[in-house]
């Protein structure tokens, strides 16, 4: 399922509102991509004074699609949101990837 809007539309909306923005495609788990992202942002916008890390990773799977067939196994009461996996059922590798995105080291 694709969410509405594109990065180009977001940049355009920011510029219409009087701000400055650029779009840079990057894999935040790749050190070279993070370095390139920072360089391009500095070159286009000047010194970085504030960082808002809005990167996200959800695993495993996606939320249920309205009207789709229900899951073969109904969620346990401890699963939280219906259709989403419970805390303990998420693989450790998924948590590690989330932290790689949320807390990049460079």
N, C-alpha and C. Protein backbone atom coordinates (compact mmCIF):
# COMPACT_ATOMS: atom_id res chain seq x y z
N UNK A 1 0.85 -1.17 0.00
CA UNK A 1 0.00 0.00 0.00
C UNK A 1 0.89 1.23 0.00
N UNK A 2 0.67 2.14 -0.92
CA UNK A 2 1.46 3.36 -1.01
C UNK A 2 0.73 4.49 -0.31
N UNK A 3 1.47 5.23 0.48
CA UNK A 3 0.89 6.38 1.18
C UNK A 3 0.86 7.58 0.24
N UNK A 4 -0.08 8.50 0.46
CA UNK A 4 -0.16 9.67 -0.41
C UNK A 4 1.06 10.58 -0.22
N UNK A 5 1.38 11.32 -1.28
CA UNK A 5 2.48 12.27 -1.21
C UNK A 5 3.79 11.67 -1.64
N UNK A 6 4.68 12.54 -2.10
CA UNK A 6 6.01 12.12 -2.48
C UNK A 6 6.99 13.07 -1.82
N UNK A 7 8.26 12.70 -1.85
CA UNK A 7 9.27 13.59 -1.28
C UNK A 7 9.32 14.90 -2.06
N UNK A 8 9.11 14.80 -3.39
CA UNK A 8 9.08 16.02 -4.21
C UNK A 8 7.94 16.95 -3.81
N UNK A 9 6.77 16.37 -3.52
CA UNK A 9 5.63 17.18 -3.07
C UNK A 9 5.92 17.81 -1.71
N UNK A 10 6.59 17.07 -0.85
CA UNK A 10 6.93 17.59 0.47
C UNK A 10 7.88 18.77 0.35
N UNK A 11 8.90 18.64 -0.50
CA UNK A 11 9.83 19.75 -0.73
C UNK A 11 9.07 20.95 -1.27
N UNK A 12 8.18 20.72 -2.24
CA UNK A 12 7.39 21.83 -2.83
C UNK A 12 6.53 22.50 -1.77
N UNK A 13 5.88 21.72 -0.90
CA UNK A 13 5.04 22.29 0.15
C UNK A 13 5.86 23.15 1.11
N UNK A 14 7.05 22.69 1.45
CA UNK A 14 7.93 23.46 2.35
C UNK A 14 8.31 24.78 1.68
N UNK A 15 8.67 24.72 0.39
CA UNK A 15 9.07 25.93 -0.33
C UNK A 15 7.90 26.90 -0.49
N UNK A 16 6.70 26.40 -0.75
CA UNK A 16 5.51 27.26 -0.86
C UNK A 16 5.26 27.98 0.46
N UNK A 17 5.55 27.30 1.56
CA UNK A 17 5.35 27.88 2.89
C UNK A 17 6.47 28.84 3.28
N UNK A 18 7.46 29.01 2.38
CA UNK A 18 8.54 29.95 2.65
C UNK A 18 9.82 29.34 3.17
N UNK A 19 9.86 28.02 3.28
CA UNK A 19 11.05 27.35 3.78
C UNK A 19 11.96 26.91 2.65
N UNK A 20 13.07 26.32 3.01
CA UNK A 20 14.01 25.75 2.04
C UNK A 20 14.14 24.27 2.34
N UNK A 21 14.17 23.46 1.29
CA UNK A 21 14.27 22.02 1.48
C UNK A 21 14.91 21.39 0.26
N UNK A 22 15.53 20.23 0.47
CA UNK A 22 16.05 19.43 -0.63
C UNK A 22 15.66 17.98 -0.34
N UNK A 23 15.61 17.19 -1.38
CA UNK A 23 15.36 15.75 -1.22
C UNK A 23 16.64 15.01 -1.55
N UNK A 24 17.06 14.14 -0.66
CA UNK A 24 18.26 13.34 -0.87
C UNK A 24 17.91 11.88 -0.58
N UNK A 25 18.05 11.03 -1.59
CA UNK A 25 17.79 9.60 -1.39
C UNK A 25 19.01 9.00 -0.70
N UNK A 26 18.77 8.28 0.40
CA UNK A 26 19.88 7.68 1.15
C UNK A 26 19.40 6.48 1.94
N UNK A 27 20.29 5.50 2.09
CA UNK A 27 20.06 4.35 2.96
C UNK A 27 20.78 4.65 4.26
N UNK A 28 20.03 4.92 5.32
CA UNK A 28 20.64 5.34 6.57
C UNK A 28 21.37 4.24 7.31
N UNK A 29 21.34 3.03 6.77
CA UNK A 29 22.17 1.97 7.35
C UNK A 29 23.52 1.89 6.67
N UNK A 30 23.75 2.72 5.65
CA UNK A 30 25.02 2.75 4.92
C UNK A 30 25.78 4.02 5.29
N UNK A 31 26.96 3.84 5.89
CA UNK A 31 27.75 4.98 6.35
C UNK A 31 28.03 5.99 5.23
N UNK A 32 28.38 5.50 4.04
CA UNK A 32 28.68 6.40 2.92
C UNK A 32 27.47 7.23 2.51
N UNK A 33 26.28 6.62 2.56
CA UNK A 33 25.06 7.36 2.23
C UNK A 33 24.79 8.46 3.26
N UNK A 34 25.01 8.15 4.53
CA UNK A 34 24.80 9.15 5.58
C UNK A 34 25.76 10.32 5.39
N UNK A 35 27.03 10.02 5.10
CA UNK A 35 28.02 11.08 4.88
C UNK A 35 27.64 11.94 3.66
N UNK A 36 27.18 11.30 2.59
CA UNK A 36 26.76 12.03 1.39
C UNK A 36 25.54 12.90 1.68
N UNK A 37 24.61 12.37 2.46
CA UNK A 37 23.41 13.12 2.84
C UNK A 37 23.79 14.40 3.59
N UNK A 38 24.69 14.26 4.55
CA UNK A 38 25.13 15.43 5.33
C UNK A 38 25.83 16.45 4.42
N UNK A 39 26.71 15.98 3.56
CA UNK A 39 27.43 16.88 2.65
C UNK A 39 26.46 17.63 1.75
N UNK A 40 25.51 16.90 1.15
CA UNK A 40 24.55 17.56 0.25
C UNK A 40 23.67 18.55 1.00
N UNK A 41 23.26 18.21 2.22
CA UNK A 41 22.44 19.13 3.00
C UNK A 41 23.23 20.39 3.35
N UNK A 42 24.47 20.23 3.78
CA UNK A 42 25.30 21.41 4.10
C UNK A 42 25.54 22.27 2.87
N UNK A 43 25.85 21.63 1.73
CA UNK A 43 26.12 22.38 0.51
C UNK A 43 24.90 23.18 0.07
N UNK A 44 23.72 22.59 0.20
CA UNK A 44 22.51 23.25 -0.28
C UNK A 44 21.90 24.23 0.72
N UNK A 45 22.04 23.93 2.01
CA UNK A 45 21.30 24.69 3.02
C UNK A 45 22.17 25.39 4.05
N UNK A 46 23.46 25.12 4.05
CA UNK A 46 24.35 25.74 5.04
C UNK A 46 24.54 24.83 6.24
N UNK A 47 25.10 25.38 7.31
CA UNK A 47 25.40 24.57 8.50
C UNK A 47 24.15 23.90 9.06
N UNK A 48 24.31 22.68 9.55
CA UNK A 48 23.19 21.96 10.16
C UNK A 48 23.12 22.37 11.62
N UNK A 49 22.01 23.00 11.98
CA UNK A 49 21.83 23.49 13.35
C UNK A 49 20.91 22.57 14.16
N UNK A 50 19.98 21.92 13.48
CA UNK A 50 19.01 21.05 14.15
C UNK A 50 18.85 19.80 13.29
N UNK A 51 18.74 18.65 13.93
CA UNK A 51 18.48 17.40 13.22
C UNK A 51 17.21 16.78 13.77
N UNK A 52 16.29 16.49 12.88
CA UNK A 52 15.10 15.73 13.23
C UNK A 52 15.20 14.42 12.47
N UNK A 53 15.44 13.35 13.17
CA UNK A 53 15.56 12.04 12.54
C UNK A 53 14.16 11.44 12.45
N UNK A 54 13.62 11.39 11.24
CA UNK A 54 12.27 10.87 11.03
C UNK A 54 12.32 9.56 10.25
N UNK A 55 13.47 8.90 10.27
CA UNK A 55 13.59 7.61 9.60
C UNK A 55 12.75 6.59 10.36
N UNK A 56 12.22 5.63 9.63
CA UNK A 56 11.39 4.62 10.27
C UNK A 56 11.60 3.26 9.61
N UNK A 57 11.37 2.23 10.40
CA UNK A 57 11.45 0.86 9.91
C UNK A 57 10.43 0.07 10.71
N UNK A 58 9.58 -0.64 10.02
CA UNK A 58 8.58 -1.46 10.69
C UNK A 58 8.78 -2.90 10.26
N UNK A 59 8.84 -3.79 11.22
CA UNK A 59 9.02 -5.20 10.89
C UNK A 59 8.31 -6.03 11.94
N UNK A 60 7.91 -7.19 11.64
CA UNK A 60 7.75 -7.71 10.28
C UNK A 60 6.37 -7.36 9.76
N UNK A 61 6.24 -7.20 8.50
CA UNK A 61 4.95 -7.01 7.86
C UNK A 61 4.43 -5.59 7.91
N UNK A 62 3.19 -5.46 7.56
CA UNK A 62 2.52 -4.18 7.47
C UNK A 62 1.18 -4.26 8.19
N UNK A 63 0.54 -3.12 8.41
CA UNK A 63 -0.78 -3.17 9.04
C UNK A 63 -1.78 -3.84 8.11
N UNK A 64 -2.86 -4.36 8.65
CA UNK A 64 -3.84 -5.03 7.80
C UNK A 64 -4.47 -4.06 6.81
N UNK A 65 -4.82 -4.58 5.64
CA UNK A 65 -5.48 -3.80 4.61
C UNK A 65 -6.99 -3.96 4.80
N UNK A 66 -7.73 -2.84 4.88
CA UNK A 66 -9.17 -2.96 5.06
C UNK A 66 -9.79 -3.83 3.96
N UNK A 67 -10.65 -4.75 4.35
CA UNK A 67 -11.33 -5.62 3.41
C UNK A 67 -10.54 -6.86 3.04
N UNK A 68 -9.29 -6.96 3.46
CA UNK A 68 -8.46 -8.14 3.14
C UNK A 68 -8.87 -9.31 4.03
N UNK A 69 -8.51 -10.50 3.62
CA UNK A 69 -8.80 -11.70 4.40
C UNK A 69 -8.08 -11.59 5.75
N UNK A 70 -8.72 -12.03 6.83
CA UNK A 70 -8.06 -11.98 8.14
C UNK A 70 -6.87 -12.93 8.19
N UNK A 71 -5.98 -12.65 9.11
CA UNK A 71 -4.81 -13.52 9.31
C UNK A 71 -5.27 -14.92 9.65
N UNK A 72 -4.48 -15.90 9.26
CA UNK A 72 -4.81 -17.29 9.54
C UNK A 72 -4.88 -17.52 11.05
N UNK A 73 -3.98 -16.93 11.79
CA UNK A 73 -3.95 -17.08 13.23
C UNK A 73 -4.37 -15.74 13.85
N UNK A 74 -5.44 -15.69 14.61
CA UNK A 74 -5.85 -14.41 15.19
C UNK A 74 -4.83 -13.91 16.20
N UNK A 75 -4.72 -12.59 16.35
CA UNK A 75 -3.73 -12.05 17.30
C UNK A 75 -4.06 -12.44 18.73
N UNK A 76 -3.01 -12.63 19.51
CA UNK A 76 -3.19 -12.89 20.94
C UNK A 76 -3.60 -11.59 21.61
N UNK A 77 -4.27 -11.65 22.76
CA UNK A 77 -4.68 -10.41 23.44
C UNK A 77 -3.49 -9.52 23.80
N UNK A 78 -2.30 -10.08 23.96
CA UNK A 78 -1.13 -9.29 24.34
C UNK A 78 -0.46 -8.64 23.12
N UNK A 79 -1.02 -8.85 21.92
CA UNK A 79 -0.38 -8.33 20.71
C UNK A 79 -0.50 -6.82 20.53
N UNK A 80 -1.30 -6.15 21.30
CA UNK A 80 -1.45 -4.71 21.11
C UNK A 80 -2.43 -4.42 20.00
N UNK A 81 -1.97 -3.71 18.97
CA UNK A 81 -2.85 -3.36 17.86
C UNK A 81 -3.28 -4.61 17.10
N UNK A 82 -4.55 -4.74 16.78
CA UNK A 82 -4.99 -5.91 16.01
C UNK A 82 -4.27 -5.97 14.66
N UNK A 83 -3.80 -7.14 14.31
CA UNK A 83 -3.12 -7.34 13.03
C UNK A 83 -1.63 -7.07 13.07
N UNK A 84 -1.13 -6.54 14.16
CA UNK A 84 0.30 -6.26 14.29
C UNK A 84 0.94 -7.31 15.19
N UNK A 85 2.21 -7.65 14.97
CA UNK A 85 2.86 -8.65 15.82
C UNK A 85 3.08 -8.11 17.23
N UNK A 86 3.13 -9.00 18.19
CA UNK A 86 3.42 -8.61 19.56
C UNK A 86 4.89 -8.27 19.75
N UNK A 87 5.19 -7.62 20.82
CA UNK A 87 6.55 -7.16 21.12
C UNK A 87 7.56 -8.31 21.06
N UNK A 88 7.24 -9.42 21.70
CA UNK A 88 8.19 -10.53 21.78
C UNK A 88 8.29 -11.32 20.49
N UNK A 89 7.36 -11.12 19.56
CA UNK A 89 7.42 -11.88 18.31
C UNK A 89 8.24 -11.17 17.23
N UNK A 90 8.71 -9.96 17.50
CA UNK A 90 9.52 -9.23 16.53
C UNK A 90 10.97 -9.72 16.64
N UNK A 91 11.57 -10.14 15.53
CA UNK A 91 12.94 -10.68 15.57
C UNK A 91 13.96 -9.64 16.04
N UNK A 92 14.98 -10.11 16.74
CA UNK A 92 16.04 -9.23 17.24
C UNK A 92 16.68 -8.45 16.10
N UNK A 93 16.83 -9.07 14.93
CA UNK A 93 17.43 -8.37 13.78
C UNK A 93 16.62 -7.14 13.40
N UNK A 94 15.30 -7.19 13.56
CA UNK A 94 14.45 -6.04 13.25
C UNK A 94 14.73 -4.89 14.22
N UNK A 95 14.91 -5.21 15.50
CA UNK A 95 15.24 -4.16 16.47
C UNK A 95 16.61 -3.55 16.16
N UNK A 96 17.56 -4.40 15.79
CA UNK A 96 18.89 -3.88 15.46
C UNK A 96 18.81 -2.93 14.26
N UNK A 97 18.02 -3.30 13.23
CA UNK A 97 17.87 -2.43 12.06
C UNK A 97 17.22 -1.12 12.45
N UNK A 98 16.22 -1.19 13.31
CA UNK A 98 15.56 0.04 13.78
C UNK A 98 16.57 0.96 14.45
N UNK A 99 17.43 0.43 15.30
CA UNK A 99 18.42 1.26 15.97
C UNK A 99 19.47 1.77 15.00
N UNK A 100 19.82 0.98 13.98
CA UNK A 100 20.76 1.47 12.95
C UNK A 100 20.19 2.70 12.25
N UNK A 101 18.88 2.71 12.04
CA UNK A 101 18.24 3.85 11.37
C UNK A 101 18.06 5.03 12.33
N UNK A 102 17.67 4.73 13.54
CA UNK A 102 17.33 5.79 14.49
C UNK A 102 18.54 6.43 15.16
N UNK A 103 19.61 5.65 15.33
CA UNK A 103 20.79 6.14 16.03
C UNK A 103 22.04 5.89 15.20
N UNK A 104 22.13 6.53 14.02
CA UNK A 104 23.31 6.27 13.18
C UNK A 104 24.58 6.75 13.85
N UNK A 105 25.64 6.01 13.64
CA UNK A 105 26.94 6.40 14.19
C UNK A 105 27.85 6.77 13.03
N UNK A 106 28.50 7.87 13.15
CA UNK A 106 29.45 8.26 12.10
C UNK A 106 30.50 9.16 12.68
